[in-house]
Protein backbone atom coordinates (compact mmCIF):
# COMPACT_ATOMS: atom_id res chain seq x y z
CA MET A 1 -25.94 -48.07 -27.56
CA LEU A 2 -26.70 -50.63 -30.27
CA GLY A 3 -23.21 -52.16 -30.56
CA ILE A 4 -23.29 -52.07 -34.36
CA LYS A 5 -20.80 -54.38 -36.06
CA LYS A 6 -19.60 -52.39 -39.05
CA GLN A 7 -17.05 -52.63 -41.83
CA ILE A 8 -15.77 -49.38 -43.32
CA ILE A 9 -15.05 -49.36 -47.05
CA PHE A 10 -12.21 -47.11 -48.27
CA ASN A 11 -11.43 -45.87 -51.78
CA GLU A 12 -7.96 -45.92 -53.40
CA GLN A 13 -6.98 -42.76 -51.49
CA GLN A 14 -7.91 -44.45 -48.19
CA ILE A 15 -10.91 -42.14 -47.73
CA PRO A 16 -13.93 -43.84 -46.12
CA VAL A 17 -16.75 -44.02 -48.69
CA ALA A 18 -19.21 -46.56 -47.29
CA VAL A 19 -20.14 -48.70 -44.31
CA GLN A 20 -21.41 -52.28 -44.34
CA ILE A 21 -23.57 -53.47 -41.46
CA PRO A 22 -25.53 -56.70 -40.95
CA PHE A 23 -28.98 -56.54 -42.50
CA GLU A 24 -30.72 -57.24 -39.18
CA GLN A 25 -28.99 -54.22 -37.63
CA TYR A 26 -29.98 -52.09 -40.62
CA GLN A 27 -33.61 -53.11 -40.12
CA LEU A 28 -33.41 -52.20 -36.43
CA ILE A 29 -31.91 -48.79 -37.22
CA GLU A 30 -34.60 -48.17 -39.84
CA GLU A 31 -37.34 -49.07 -37.34
CA ILE A 32 -35.85 -46.76 -34.71
CA LEU A 33 -35.70 -43.87 -37.20
CA GLU A 34 -39.29 -44.46 -38.34
CA ASP A 35 -40.52 -44.57 -34.74
CA TYR A 36 -38.63 -41.37 -33.94
CA GLY A 37 -40.05 -39.63 -37.03
CA LEU A 38 -43.57 -40.72 -36.14
CA ALA A 39 -43.15 -39.45 -32.56
CA GLN A 40 -41.89 -36.10 -33.90
CA LEU A 41 -44.89 -35.84 -36.24
CA MET A 42 -47.30 -36.73 -33.44
CA ASP A 43 -45.80 -33.99 -31.24
CA GLU A 44 -45.99 -31.54 -34.14
CA VAL A 45 -49.69 -32.08 -34.82
CA GLU A 46 -50.80 -32.52 -31.21
CA GLN A 47 -52.38 -29.05 -31.10
CA ASP A 48 -53.93 -29.24 -34.60
CA GLU A 49 -57.66 -28.95 -35.02
CA THR A 50 -59.47 -32.30 -35.02
CA LEU A 51 -62.36 -33.18 -37.30
CA THR A 52 -65.45 -35.19 -36.59
CA PHE A 53 -65.97 -38.34 -38.63
CA HIS A 54 -68.41 -36.57 -40.97
CA GLU A 55 -66.13 -33.53 -41.37
CA ALA A 56 -63.20 -35.79 -42.20
CA LYS A 57 -65.25 -37.81 -44.68
CA ALA A 58 -66.43 -34.63 -46.43
CA TYR A 59 -62.86 -33.28 -46.48
CA TYR A 60 -61.47 -36.44 -48.12
CA GLN A 61 -64.36 -36.63 -50.59
CA ASN A 62 -63.50 -33.08 -51.63
CA LEU A 63 -59.83 -34.07 -52.03
CA LYS A 64 -60.82 -37.02 -54.22
CA LYS A 65 -62.80 -34.69 -56.48
CA LYS A 66 -59.84 -32.32 -56.83
CA VAL A 67 -57.41 -35.15 -57.60
CA GLY A 68 -59.80 -36.70 -60.12
CA LYS A 69 -59.83 -33.55 -62.27
């Protein structure tokens, strides 16, 4: 796995309440989660209908008009 160097923080009752990890490892974990989420989204919309450039442009122009109201 990643071999994460962590420090567990305990409260007065010796219950773990937090974990400290090096910032570089946090960034790597965040990147992995974002990549995984993007892959999930791509799989989810793979069968969705696609629009031509002109259809997409018209769709977004219509959205802009609705948001501008």
